[in-house]
Amino acid sequence: MAGSTHTVTNQPPPLTGYDVYTADRALTEAVERHVDPAVLDEARGELAALGRAAGSAQLQEWGTQANDNPPRLRTHDRYGNRIDEVDFDPAWHRLLGKGVSAGLTGAWVRPGGHVRRAAGFLVWTQVEAGNGCPLSMTHAAVPALRHDPELAAEWEPRLTSTIYDRELRPAHLKAGALFGMGMTEKQGGSDVRANTTAAAPLAEPGTYALTGHKWFCSAPMSDGFLVLAQAPEGLTCFLVPRVLEDGSRNVFRIQRLKNKLGNRSNASSEVEFDGTWARRVGAEGRGVRTIIEMVAATRLDCVLGSAGLMRQAVAQAVHHCTYREAFGGPLLDKPLMRNVLADLALESEAATTLALRLAAAWDDGGEQERALLRIAVPAAKYWVTKRCAPVTVEAAECLGGNGYVEESGLPRLVRESPLNSVWEGAGNVQALDVLRALQREPQALNAYLREVGRARGADHRLDGAIKDLLTELADLAGIEGRARRLAERLALVLQGALLVQYAPPEVADAFCASRLGGDWGAAFGTLPHTLDLASIVERARPVS
């Protein structure tokens, strides 16, 4: 009789043993839309395999272990020799190896590679977001290295490899390699032109000795790093190998690891250079121009990462409310909870649809698509990453007190949620980058207007939002102070245009009514009650 008080009832089963990719209708439809039919079956197969792995109890446990046992810095060995190594939990290596083997650094070497990789990255983020950092930087380093064909020929096959080799040894002895990046410094942050790290030319052409520091250097156990430093002709991009060709360690002194809010599985460090050997990438004084494509690629990954976190938060909330009963029936059937879930689902689908459209622009590579990326990437990075935190917090609330407990997994999503808004340039940096594109590259705005113009006439609220946006663009008074508002509107109008073209009518209708038409409150769960909210929630339910 006493044991009966411990009988568990009215608790949902764990969300495990499902295909994270196939269960995501917005994502699967985007892949179908953007991948060439000639390779679509191959893409479906690889993404479904990754989705099944991501939904397995085993990999979910690895994600928990990697975060519960964060990396540890070892500056010296037992004999007092400086080694500057970081020890990771075995689960971290298993996850990172799985991500590499799934091709999440290999977008550049296969047809439709960016969309396929973007979909995989979005899926993989839902298992464990921290290992996305080295995967992202390794992927993004390729266009920067292509400024030097000799370096690209040497490093690109290693960076796009599907082999994960964790050992610190000369890169030419490895079948696969990872890359990191070091841009920001204590005194400058996002203002990288204020960097003080100095690069002194050495006797061998193209080689330098670096002296200085980097305030944020993530994934410090990578094989190489792209860094910015002041050369005689100005700010320049350099490749810093972790281990030199003769097997000796380059001078790469890790001062400490950051104690972060989230992203705890991933090591973010402060490093010092003191005569550190480096190879120049691109011309002296052209460092920002050389590394800017790497920055653009990692910014898109911030959008993808946030979309992945939102999708997992929504999936958990809808799953919980499907099984949890209160006040006489499943929470899913309660009108007010249905409104909340539908509102969250709209935010998630809009983020996914926009992110995959931008990945498709990378695959296309044409002048028109490159111009679109110039304005759409910073606008999307600004808006989508900022929507991540309120979505994850509201999703956790859908679980009630259970969502505040670590075992639910929602607190880890909440802690991770602000990260992509901060990394690779915080909100103001993105908004100002949108302004630069508008002011210096008229073809970027033309490409944007052509993109949203494809949906004109399909929804009167979208048409009104486009008209209002044009009015705002025509008024340059106080433009810098309005930069955030402008970036937000650019992202929302683009999301609305894409959903009107590609999403089910109930999704597009709800998005346009709320985000563009103004029929919306200041919190989630304030959609017009006359909309088809049940269909929106059902579409978001994680059932393969």
Protein backbone atom coordinates (compact mmCIF):
# COMPACT_ATOMS: atom_id res chain seq x y z
CA MET A 1 0.00 0.00 0.00
CA ALA A 2 2.82 2.41 0.89
CA GLY A 3 4.41 1.94 -2.53
CA SER A 4 1.33 3.15 -4.35
CA THR A 5 2.28 6.79 -3.75
CA HIS A 6 5.25 6.27 -6.05
CA THR A 7 3.25 5.03 -9.01
CA VAL A 8 4.06 7.35 -11.91
CA THR A 9 1.06 8.57 -13.89
CA ASN A 10 0.34 11.44 -16.28
CA GLN A 11 3.98 11.87 -17.28
CA PRO A 12 4.92 11.87 -20.98
CA PRO A 13 7.36 9.27 -22.32
CA PRO A 14 10.85 10.53 -23.21
CA LEU A 15 11.18 12.03 -26.68
CA THR A 16 13.67 9.43 -27.90
CA GLY A 17 13.87 6.80 -30.59
CA TYR A 18 12.62 9.07 -33.35
CA ASP A 19 14.04 10.57 -36.54
CA VAL A 20 14.79 14.21 -35.78
CA TYR A 21 15.08 15.05 -39.48
CA THR A 22 12.04 13.25 -40.91
CA ALA A 23 9.84 14.46 -38.04
CA ASP A 24 10.57 18.09 -38.97
CA ARG A 25 8.19 18.90 -41.80
CA ALA A 26 9.46 22.44 -42.38
CA LEU A 27 13.01 21.15 -42.71
CA THR A 28 12.27 18.16 -44.93
CA GLU A 29 10.18 20.32 -47.26
CA ALA A 30 12.98 22.89 -47.51
CA VAL A 31 15.45 20.17 -48.48
CA GLU A 32 13.04 18.84 -51.11
CA ARG A 33 12.63 22.37 -52.44
CA HIS A 34 16.29 23.35 -52.66
CA VAL A 35 18.26 20.16 -53.43
CA ASP A 36 18.74 19.09 -57.03
CA PRO A 37 16.53 16.05 -57.81
CA ALA A 38 19.61 14.23 -59.10
CA VAL A 39 21.05 14.01 -55.56
CA LEU A 40 17.84 14.30 -53.54
CA ASP A 41 17.53 10.58 -52.71
CA GLU A 42 21.12 10.53 -51.49
CA ALA A 43 20.50 13.63 -49.37
CA ARG A 44 17.31 12.18 -47.90
CA GLY A 45 19.10 9.00 -46.92
CA GLU A 46 22.05 10.65 -45.23
CA LEU A 47 19.88 13.17 -43.37
CA ALA A 48 17.44 10.49 -42.18
CA ALA A 49 20.37 8.45 -40.89
CA LEU A 50 21.68 11.47 -39.03
CA GLY A 51 18.17 12.20 -37.77
CA ARG A 52 17.76 8.70 -36.35
CA ALA A 53 21.10 8.99 -34.61
CA ALA A 54 20.18 12.41 -33.21
CA GLY A 55 16.90 11.05 -31.85
CA SER A 56 18.46 8.03 -30.17
CA ALA A 57 18.69 7.72 -26.41
CA GLN A 58 22.41 6.92 -26.69
CA LEU A 59 23.39 10.17 -28.40
CA GLN A 60 21.11 12.22 -26.19
CA GLU A 61 22.98 10.74 -23.23
CA TRP A 62 26.31 11.70 -24.84
CA GLY A 63 25.06 15.26 -25.12
CA THR A 64 24.22 15.29 -21.42
CA GLN A 65 27.58 13.81 -20.48
CA ALA A 66 29.52 16.33 -22.58
CA ASN A 67 27.79 19.20 -20.79
CA ASP A 68 27.89 17.69 -17.31
CA ASN A 69 31.65 17.14 -17.64
CA PRO A 70 33.04 20.33 -19.19
CA PRO A 71 36.56 20.56 -20.61
CA ARG A 72 39.58 21.03 -18.32
CA LEU A 73 42.74 22.99 -19.08
CA ARG A 74 46.17 21.46 -18.47
CA THR A 75 48.85 24.12 -18.93
CA HIS A 76 51.78 21.89 -17.88
CA ASP A 77 52.62 18.21 -17.78
CA ARG A 78 53.76 16.40 -14.65
CA TYR A 79 57.37 17.41 -15.28
CA GLY A 80 56.66 21.12 -15.56
CA ASN A 81 56.74 21.35 -19.36
CA ARG A 82 54.27 23.74 -20.93
CA ILE A 83 51.73 21.73 -22.98
CA ASP A 84 48.57 23.92 -23.15
CA GLU A 85 46.13 21.07 -23.72
CA VAL A 86 42.43 20.79 -23.02
CA ASP A 87 40.89 17.51 -21.92
CA PHE A 88 37.34 16.75 -23.06
CA ASP A 89 34.87 14.15 -21.89
CA PRO A 90 34.84 11.06 -24.17
CA ALA A 91 31.27 11.90 -25.13
CA TRP A 92 32.50 15.15 -26.71
CA HIS A 93 34.86 13.25 -28.97
CA ARG A 94 32.15 10.76 -29.94
CA LEU A 95 29.78 13.55 -30.88
CA LEU A 96 32.36 15.60 -32.73
CA GLY A 97 33.53 12.53 -34.60
CA LYS A 98 29.97 11.74 -35.59
CA GLY A 99 29.45 15.30 -36.83
CA VAL A 100 32.61 15.19 -38.94
CA SER A 101 31.74 11.78 -40.38
CA ALA A 102 28.28 13.10 -41.30
CA GLY A 103 29.87 15.67 -43.60
CA LEU A 104 29.15 18.74 -41.49
CA THR A 105 32.44 20.28 -42.59
CA GLY A 106 32.21 19.15 -46.22
CA ALA A 107 29.66 21.44 -47.87
CA TRP A 108 32.17 22.67 -50.44
CA VAL A 109 32.91 19.34 -52.10
CA ARG A 110 29.54 17.86 -53.07
CA PRO A 111 26.51 18.98 -55.10
CA GLY A 112 23.87 20.76 -53.05
CA GLY A 113 26.39 20.65 -50.25
CA HIS A 114 25.35 23.79 -48.41
CA VAL A 115 21.68 22.89 -48.11
CA ARG A 116 22.49 19.31 -47.16
CA ARG A 117 25.02 20.44 -44.59
CA ALA A 118 22.70 23.17 -43.27
CA ALA A 119 19.93 20.63 -42.71
CA GLY A 120 22.38 18.30 -40.99
CA PHE A 121 23.76 21.10 -38.82
CA LEU A 122 20.24 22.07 -37.76
CA VAL A 123 19.53 18.45 -36.83
CA TRP A 124 22.84 17.97 -35.05
CA THR A 125 22.45 21.11 -32.94
CA GLN A 126 19.46 19.45 -31.32
CA VAL A 127 21.68 16.72 -29.88
CA GLU A 128 24.41 18.96 -28.47
CA ALA A 129 25.13 22.50 -29.59
CA GLY A 130 28.68 22.89 -28.27
CA ASN A 131 30.41 20.69 -30.83
CA GLY A 132 28.80 22.81 -33.53
CA CYS A 133 31.47 25.45 -32.86
CA PRO A 134 34.49 23.55 -34.27
CA LEU A 135 32.30 22.06 -37.00
CA SER A 136 31.18 25.54 -38.02
CA MET A 137 34.63 27.14 -37.98
CA THR A 138 36.19 24.28 -39.90
CA HIS A 139 33.48 24.53 -42.55
CA ALA A 140 33.76 28.31 -42.74
CA ALA A 141 37.56 28.45 -43.03
CA VAL A 142 37.52 27.12 -46.60
CA PRO A 143 36.55 30.34 -48.46
CA ALA A 144 39.12 32.34 -46.50
CA LEU A 145 41.90 29.87 -47.33
CA ARG A 146 40.97 30.05 -51.01
CA HIS A 147 42.51 33.53 -51.06
CA ASP A 148 45.78 31.59 -51.15
CA PRO A 149 45.49 28.72 -53.68
CA GLU A 150 48.58 26.99 -52.31
CA LEU A 151 47.21 26.97 -48.76
CA ALA A 152 43.78 25.89 -49.97
CA ALA A 153 45.25 22.97 -51.90
CA GLU A 154 47.08 21.85 -48.76
CA TRP A 155 44.36 22.33 -46.15
CA GLU A 156 41.00 22.03 -47.88
CA PRO A 157 41.08 18.22 -48.27
CA ARG A 158 41.76 17.91 -44.53
CA LEU A 159 39.02 20.33 -43.51
CA THR A 160 36.36 18.73 -45.72
CA SER A 161 37.36 15.20 -44.70
CA THR A 162 34.92 12.88 -42.93
CA ILE A 163 37.68 11.56 -40.66
CA TYR A 164 38.02 12.93 -37.13
CA ASP A 165 41.59 12.73 -35.82
CA ARG A 166 41.83 14.21 -32.30
CA GLU A 167 45.59 13.87 -31.90
CA LEU A 168 47.85 16.92 -31.78
CA ARG A 169 50.40 16.23 -34.50
CA PRO A 170 51.55 17.84 -37.74
CA ALA A 171 48.59 18.40 -40.03
CA HIS A 172 50.31 16.82 -43.02
CA LEU A 173 50.25 13.52 -41.12
CA LYS A 174 46.49 13.67 -40.53
CA ALA A 175 43.62 12.54 -42.76
CA GLY A 176 41.30 15.12 -41.25
CA ALA A 177 41.75 18.43 -39.44
CA LEU A 178 39.70 21.03 -37.58
CA PHE A 179 40.02 24.81 -37.61
CA GLY A 180 39.36 27.58 -35.12
CA MET A 181 39.36 31.34 -35.32
CA GLY A 182 40.85 34.18 -33.24
CA MET A 183 39.65 37.70 -34.00
CA THR A 184 38.57 39.58 -30.87
CA GLU A 185 40.89 41.10 -28.29
CA LYS A 186 40.37 42.58 -24.84
CA GLN A 187 40.49 46.20 -25.90
CA GLY A 188 38.42 45.95 -29.07
CA GLY A 189 35.84 43.17 -29.06
CA SER A 190 33.93 43.41 -32.33
CA ASP A 191 36.08 46.37 -33.39
CA VAL A 192 38.80 44.14 -34.79
CA ARG A 193 40.61 47.09 -36.40
CA ALA A 194 41.62 48.03 -32.85
CA ASN A 195 43.58 44.77 -32.54
CA THR A 196 47.10 45.10 -31.17
CA THR A 197 48.54 41.63 -31.90
CA ALA A 198 51.64 42.31 -33.98
CA ALA A 199 52.95 40.30 -36.93
CA ALA A 200 56.65 40.62 -37.70
CA PRO A 201 57.83 39.26 -41.09
CA LEU A 202 60.31 36.37 -40.98
CA ALA A 203 62.97 35.49 -43.52
CA GLU A 204 60.79 32.97 -45.36
CA PRO A 205 58.35 34.83 -47.64
CA GLY A 206 54.79 34.84 -46.33
CA THR A 207 55.74 33.80 -42.79
CA TYR A 208 55.53 35.91 -39.64
CA ALA A 209 56.03 35.83 -35.88
CA LEU A 210 52.94 36.88 -33.92
CA THR A 211 53.00 38.54 -30.51
CA GLY A 212 49.81 39.40 -28.66
CA HIS A 213 46.63 37.87 -27.31
CA LYS A 214 43.15 36.77 -28.28
CA TRP A 215 40.29 37.28 -25.86
CA PHE A 216 38.07 34.58 -27.37
CA CYS A 217 39.49 31.52 -29.09
CA SER A 218 37.07 28.63 -29.17
CA ALA A 219 38.00 25.00 -29.78
CA PRO A 220 41.68 25.54 -28.81
CA MET A 221 42.58 21.92 -29.58
CA SER A 222 41.99 22.50 -33.29
CA ASP A 223 44.78 21.89 -35.81
CA GLY A 224 44.88 25.42 -37.16
CA PHE A 225 43.44 28.87 -36.56
CA LEU A 226 42.70 31.88 -38.69
CA VAL A 227 43.65 35.01 -36.76
CA LEU A 228 43.93 38.74 -37.40
CA ALA A 229 47.07 40.68 -36.54
CA GLN A 230 48.74 43.96 -37.42
CA ALA A 231 51.39 43.48 -40.13
CA PRO A 232 53.52 46.36 -41.52
CA GLU A 233 50.83 47.17 -44.10
CA GLY A 234 47.90 46.88 -41.67
CA LEU A 235 45.44 44.32 -40.34
CA THR A 236 46.13 40.96 -41.99
CA CYS A 237 44.79 37.41 -41.84
CA PHE A 238 47.11 34.59 -40.77
CA LEU A 239 47.02 30.81 -40.44
CA VAL A 240 48.43 29.64 -37.11
CA PRO A 241 49.06 25.87 -36.96
CA ARG A 242 48.83 24.25 -33.55
CA VAL A 243 51.72 21.89 -34.34
CA LEU A 244 54.58 22.78 -36.70
CA GLU A 245 55.69 20.54 -39.55
CA ASP A 246 58.70 19.24 -37.62
CA GLY A 247 56.38 17.99 -34.85
CA SER A 248 57.17 20.72 -32.33
CA ARG A 249 54.38 22.67 -30.69
CA ASN A 250 53.74 26.19 -31.93
CA VAL A 251 53.65 28.84 -29.18
CA PHE A 252 49.97 28.79 -28.26
CA ARG A 253 49.61 29.58 -24.58
CA ILE A 254 46.15 29.00 -23.20
CA GLN A 255 45.70 31.38 -20.27
CA ARG A 256 42.33 30.13 -19.10
CA LEU A 257 39.02 28.65 -20.23
CA LYS A 258 35.89 30.79 -20.10
CA ASN A 259 33.26 29.89 -17.53
CA LYS A 260 30.21 30.43 -19.76
CA LEU A 261 26.47 30.64 -19.22
CA GLY A 262 25.86 27.79 -21.67
CA ASN A 263 27.80 25.99 -24.40
CA ARG A 264 29.63 24.32 -21.56
CA SER A 265 30.85 21.28 -23.48
CA ASN A 266 32.90 23.52 -25.78
CA ALA A 267 36.19 25.07 -24.65
CA SER A 268 36.41 28.82 -25.20
CA SER A 269 39.78 30.18 -24.22
CA GLU A 270 42.08 33.16 -23.94
CA VAL A 271 45.39 32.59 -25.72
CA GLU A 272 48.73 34.37 -25.88
CA PHE A 273 51.11 34.46 -28.85
CA ASP A 274 54.81 35.04 -28.21
CA GLY A 275 56.85 34.60 -31.38
CA THR A 276 54.14 32.28 -32.69
CA TRP A 277 54.81 31.09 -36.24
CA ALA A 278 52.14 32.04 -38.76
CA ARG A 279 51.54 31.98 -42.49
CA ARG A 280 49.89 34.96 -44.18
CA VAL A 281 46.53 34.36 -45.89
CA GLY A 282 45.73 36.96 -48.54
CA ALA A 283 47.46 40.31 -48.92
CA GLU A 284 48.85 42.41 -46.10
CA GLY A 285 46.38 45.00 -44.90
CA ARG A 286 43.43 43.05 -46.32
CA GLY A 287 42.68 40.94 -43.28
CA VAL A 288 39.01 41.80 -42.90
CA ARG A 289 38.32 41.30 -46.59
CA THR A 290 40.12 37.95 -46.47
CA ILE A 291 38.27 36.60 -43.45
CA ILE A 292 34.86 38.15 -44.17
CA GLU A 293 33.52 35.11 -46.05
CA MET A 294 34.43 32.93 -43.09
CA VAL A 295 32.51 35.34 -40.88
CA ALA A 296 29.49 35.24 -43.23
CA ALA A 297 29.48 31.43 -43.17
CA THR A 298 29.69 31.25 -39.38
CA ARG A 299 26.92 33.86 -39.11
CA LEU A 300 24.68 31.64 -41.19
CA ASP A 301 25.54 28.81 -38.81
CA CYS A 302 24.39 31.04 -35.93
CA VAL A 303 21.03 31.26 -37.71
CA LEU A 304 20.98 27.50 -38.25
CA GLY A 305 22.03 26.81 -34.68
CA SER A 306 19.27 29.02 -33.30
CA ALA A 307 16.75 27.41 -35.64
CA GLY A 308 17.86 24.00 -34.35
CA LEU A 309 17.52 25.03 -30.70
CA MET A 310 14.06 26.48 -31.36
CA ARG A 311 12.96 23.36 -33.19
CA GLN A 312 14.06 21.11 -30.34
CA ALA A 313 12.37 23.35 -27.76
CA VAL A 314 9.11 23.33 -29.73
CA ALA A 315 9.31 19.58 -30.30
CA GLN A 316 9.74 18.98 -26.58
CA ALA A 317 6.86 21.32 -25.71
CA VAL A 318 4.44 19.82 -28.22
CA HIS A 319 5.45 16.29 -27.23
CA HIS A 320 4.88 17.03 -23.56
CA CYS A 321 1.48 18.62 -24.18
CA THR A 322 0.42 15.69 -26.36
CA TYR A 323 0.68 13.28 -23.42
CA ARG A 324 0.20 15.48 -20.37
CA GLU A 325 -3.39 15.83 -19.16
CA ALA A 326 -4.82 18.64 -17.06
CA PHE A 327 -8.28 20.01 -16.36
CA GLY A 328 -10.00 17.05 -17.97
CA GLY A 329 -7.98 16.37 -21.10
CA PRO A 330 -4.64 16.59 -22.96
CA LEU A 331 -2.96 19.98 -22.73
CA LEU A 332 -2.63 19.94 -26.51
CA ASP A 333 -6.41 20.27 -26.83
CA LYS A 334 -6.73 23.27 -24.52
CA PRO A 335 -7.38 26.40 -26.60
CA LEU A 336 -4.93 28.62 -24.72
CA MET A 337 -2.10 26.09 -24.72
CA ARG A 338 -2.77 25.39 -28.39
CA ASN A 339 -2.33 29.11 -29.06
CA VAL A 340 1.03 29.15 -27.27
CA LEU A 341 2.28 26.06 -29.09
CA ALA A 342 1.14 27.35 -32.48
CA ASP A 343 2.86 30.68 -31.87
CA LEU A 344 6.12 28.92 -30.97
CA ALA A 345 5.79 26.64 -33.99
CA LEU A 346 5.43 29.66 -36.30
CA GLU A 347 8.67 31.15 -34.98
CA SER A 348 10.48 27.86 -35.46
CA GLU A 349 9.21 27.22 -38.98
CA ALA A 350 9.97 30.78 -40.11
CA ALA A 351 13.55 30.44 -38.82
CA THR A 352 14.09 27.08 -40.54
CA THR A 353 12.62 28.22 -43.85
CA LEU A 354 14.77 31.36 -43.94
CA ALA A 355 17.97 29.55 -42.92
CA LEU A 356 17.62 26.89 -45.63
CA ARG A 357 16.85 29.54 -48.26
CA LEU A 358 20.12 31.28 -47.41
CA ALA A 359 22.01 27.98 -47.60
CA ALA A 360 20.54 27.47 -51.06
CA ALA A 361 21.90 30.87 -52.08
CA TRP A 362 25.39 29.67 -51.12
CA ASP A 363 24.92 26.60 -53.32
CA ASP A 364 23.76 28.71 -56.26
CA GLY A 365 26.75 31.04 -56.01
CA GLY A 366 25.48 33.40 -58.71
CA GLU A 367 25.87 37.16 -58.55
CA GLN A 368 22.20 37.68 -57.67
CA GLU A 369 22.32 35.17 -54.82
CA ARG A 370 25.59 36.56 -53.44
CA ALA A 371 24.02 40.01 -53.37
CA LEU A 372 21.00 38.63 -51.49
CA LEU A 373 23.29 37.02 -48.91
CA ARG A 374 25.04 40.32 -48.30
CA ILE A 375 21.91 41.84 -46.78
CA ALA A 376 19.91 38.77 -45.77
CA VAL A 377 22.60 37.04 -43.67
CA PRO A 378 23.14 39.89 -41.17
CA ALA A 379 19.39 40.60 -41.04
CA ALA A 380 18.63 36.92 -40.39
CA LYS A 381 21.48 36.62 -37.91
CA TYR A 382 20.15 39.66 -36.07
CA TRP A 383 16.52 38.54 -35.88
CA VAL A 384 16.50 34.74 -35.73
CA THR A 385 19.16 34.52 -33.03
CA LYS A 386 17.26 37.06 -30.92
CA ARG A 387 14.05 35.04 -31.16
CA CYS A 388 15.76 31.93 -29.80
CA ALA A 389 15.82 32.91 -26.12
CA PRO A 390 12.12 33.82 -25.75
CA VAL A 391 11.12 30.67 -27.67
CA THR A 392 13.14 28.33 -25.46
CA VAL A 393 11.97 30.03 -22.26
CA GLU A 394 8.30 29.83 -23.30
CA ALA A 395 8.73 26.20 -24.38
CA ALA A 396 10.20 25.36 -20.98
CA GLU A 397 7.16 26.96 -19.36
CA CYS A 398 4.91 24.63 -21.37
CA LEU A 399 6.39 21.82 -19.27
CA GLY A 400 5.60 23.70 -16.07
CA GLY A 401 7.94 22.92 -13.19
CA ASN A 402 9.29 19.94 -15.13
CA GLY A 403 10.78 22.35 -17.65
CA TYR A 404 12.79 24.04 -14.92
CA VAL A 405 14.46 20.78 -13.94
CA GLU A 406 17.77 19.87 -15.57
CA GLU A 407 16.69 16.34 -16.46
CA SER A 408 14.11 17.70 -18.90
CA GLY A 409 16.86 19.12 -21.13
CA LEU A 410 15.07 22.47 -21.43
CA PRO A 411 17.41 24.37 -19.05
CA ARG A 412 20.35 23.48 -21.30
CA LEU A 413 18.46 24.87 -24.30
CA VAL A 414 17.62 28.03 -22.35
CA ARG A 415 21.26 28.58 -21.35
CA GLU A 416 22.40 28.00 -24.92
CA SER A 417 19.74 30.24 -26.46
CA PRO A 418 21.46 33.68 -26.18
CA LEU A 419 24.78 32.43 -27.52
CA ASN A 420 24.27 32.76 -31.28
CA SER A 421 23.08 36.34 -30.86
CA VAL A 422 26.40 37.23 -29.19
CA TRP A 423 28.90 35.22 -31.24
CA GLU A 424 30.12 36.43 -34.63
CA GLY A 425 28.95 39.97 -33.93
CA ALA A 426 26.16 40.89 -31.52
CA GLY A 427 22.91 42.58 -32.48
CA ASN A 428 24.21 46.09 -33.07
CA VAL A 429 27.03 44.78 -35.24
CA GLN A 430 24.56 42.91 -37.44
CA ALA A 431 22.19 45.87 -37.70
CA LEU A 432 25.03 48.18 -38.70
CA ASP A 433 26.22 45.62 -41.23
CA VAL A 434 22.75 45.72 -42.79
CA LEU A 435 23.12 49.50 -43.10
CA ARG A 436 26.52 49.15 -44.75
CA ALA A 437 25.06 46.78 -47.32
CA LEU A 438 22.22 49.18 -48.04
CA GLN A 439 24.51 52.19 -48.37
CA ARG A 440 27.44 50.66 -50.25
CA GLU A 441 25.94 47.84 -52.30
CA PRO A 442 22.71 48.82 -54.06
CA GLN A 443 22.63 45.44 -55.78
CA ALA A 444 22.03 43.86 -52.35
CA LEU A 445 18.78 45.73 -51.84
CA ASN A 446 17.76 45.03 -55.43
CA ALA A 447 18.31 41.31 -54.86
CA TYR A 448 16.32 41.43 -51.62
CA LEU A 449 13.39 43.27 -53.20
CA ARG A 450 13.37 40.85 -56.12
CA GLU A 451 13.25 37.94 -53.66
CA VAL A 452 10.32 39.26 -51.60
CA GLY A 453 8.65 40.53 -54.75
CA ARG A 454 8.03 36.94 -55.83
CA ALA A 455 5.31 36.77 -53.18
CA ARG A 456 3.62 40.11 -53.83
CA GLY A 457 -0.11 39.89 -54.36
CA ALA A 458 -0.47 36.65 -52.40
CA ASP A 459 -1.28 38.22 -49.02
CA HIS A 460 -2.44 41.80 -48.38
CA ARG A 461 -0.60 41.98 -45.05
CA LEU A 462 2.67 41.02 -46.72
CA ASP A 463 2.05 43.58 -49.45
CA GLY A 464 1.44 46.22 -46.79
CA ALA A 465 4.62 45.25 -44.94
CA ILE A 466 6.69 45.53 -48.14
CA LYS A 467 5.20 48.98 -48.79
CA ASP A 468 5.97 50.12 -45.25
CA LEU A 469 9.51 48.78 -45.56
CA LEU A 470 10.09 50.75 -48.77
CA THR A 471 8.82 53.89 -47.03
CA GLU A 472 11.25 53.31 -44.17
CA LEU A 473 14.14 52.74 -46.56
CA ALA A 474 13.37 56.03 -48.31
CA ASP A 475 13.80 57.99 -45.07
CA LEU A 476 17.49 58.22 -44.14
CA ALA A 477 16.98 60.57 -41.17
CA GLY A 478 18.40 59.00 -38.02
CA ILE A 479 19.06 55.79 -39.93
CA GLU A 480 21.70 54.46 -37.53
CA GLY A 481 19.39 54.82 -34.56
CA ARG A 482 16.75 52.86 -36.51
CA ALA A 483 19.11 50.12 -37.65
CA ARG A 484 17.70 47.43 -35.36
CA ARG A 485 14.15 48.21 -36.38
CA LEU A 486 15.16 48.05 -40.03
CA ALA A 487 17.02 44.72 -39.67
CA GLU A 488 13.99 43.26 -37.90
CA ARG A 489 11.60 44.37 -40.62
CA LEU A 490 13.86 43.08 -43.39
CA ALA A 491 14.01 39.64 -41.73
CA LEU A 492 10.28 39.46 -41.00
CA VAL A 493 9.25 40.51 -44.50
CA LEU A 494 11.61 37.95 -46.01
CA GLN A 495 10.27 35.23 -43.71
CA GLY A 496 6.72 36.19 -44.61
CA ALA A 497 7.47 36.11 -48.34
CA LEU A 498 9.01 32.65 -48.07
CA LEU A 499 6.17 31.23 -45.97
CA VAL A 500 3.52 32.65 -48.29
CA GLN A 501 5.22 30.85 -51.18
CA TYR A 502 6.10 27.56 -49.55
CA ALA A 503 4.34 26.89 -46.23
CA PRO A 504 0.82 25.52 -45.79
CA PRO A 505 -1.86 28.27 -45.96
CA GLU A 506 -2.61 28.08 -42.23
CA VAL A 507 1.05 28.72 -41.37
CA ALA A 508 1.45 31.62 -43.79
CA ASP A 509 -1.88 33.13 -42.72
CA ALA A 510 -0.97 33.04 -39.03
CA PHE A 511 2.50 34.46 -39.63
CA CYS A 512 1.25 37.33 -41.78
CA ALA A 513 -1.62 38.12 -39.40
CA SER A 514 0.65 38.27 -36.35
CA ARG A 515 4.17 39.25 -37.43
CA LEU A 516 3.24 41.49 -40.37
CA GLY A 517 -0.41 42.46 -39.79
CA GLY A 518 -0.01 43.49 -36.14
CA ASP A 519 -2.73 41.20 -34.77
CA TRP A 520 -0.46 39.92 -32.02
CA GLY A 521 0.41 40.63 -28.41
CA ALA A 522 3.74 41.11 -26.70
CA ALA A 523 3.96 37.47 -25.52
CA PHE A 524 3.58 34.09 -27.20
CA GLY A 525 0.06 32.67 -27.18
CA THR A 526 -1.62 35.83 -28.45
CA LEU A 527 -2.47 34.76 -32.00
CA PRO A 528 -5.96 35.53 -33.33
CA HIS A 529 -8.20 32.73 -32.10
CA THR A 530 -9.92 32.46 -35.48
CA LEU A 531 -6.83 30.95 -37.12
CA ASP A 532 -6.36 27.22 -37.76
CA LEU A 533 -4.08 26.75 -34.76
CA ALA A 534 -4.68 23.02 -34.42
CA SER A 535 -3.21 22.34 -37.87
CA ILE A 536 -0.14 24.44 -37.08
CA VAL A 537 0.51 22.52 -33.87
CA GLU A 538 -0.05 19.16 -35.53
CA ARG A 539 2.48 20.09 -38.22
CA ALA A 540 5.05 20.79 -35.50
CA ARG A 541 4.48 17.53 -33.63
CA PRO A 542 7.66 15.38 -33.66
CA VAL A 543 6.21 12.22 -35.18
CA SER A 544 8.24 10.55 -37.93
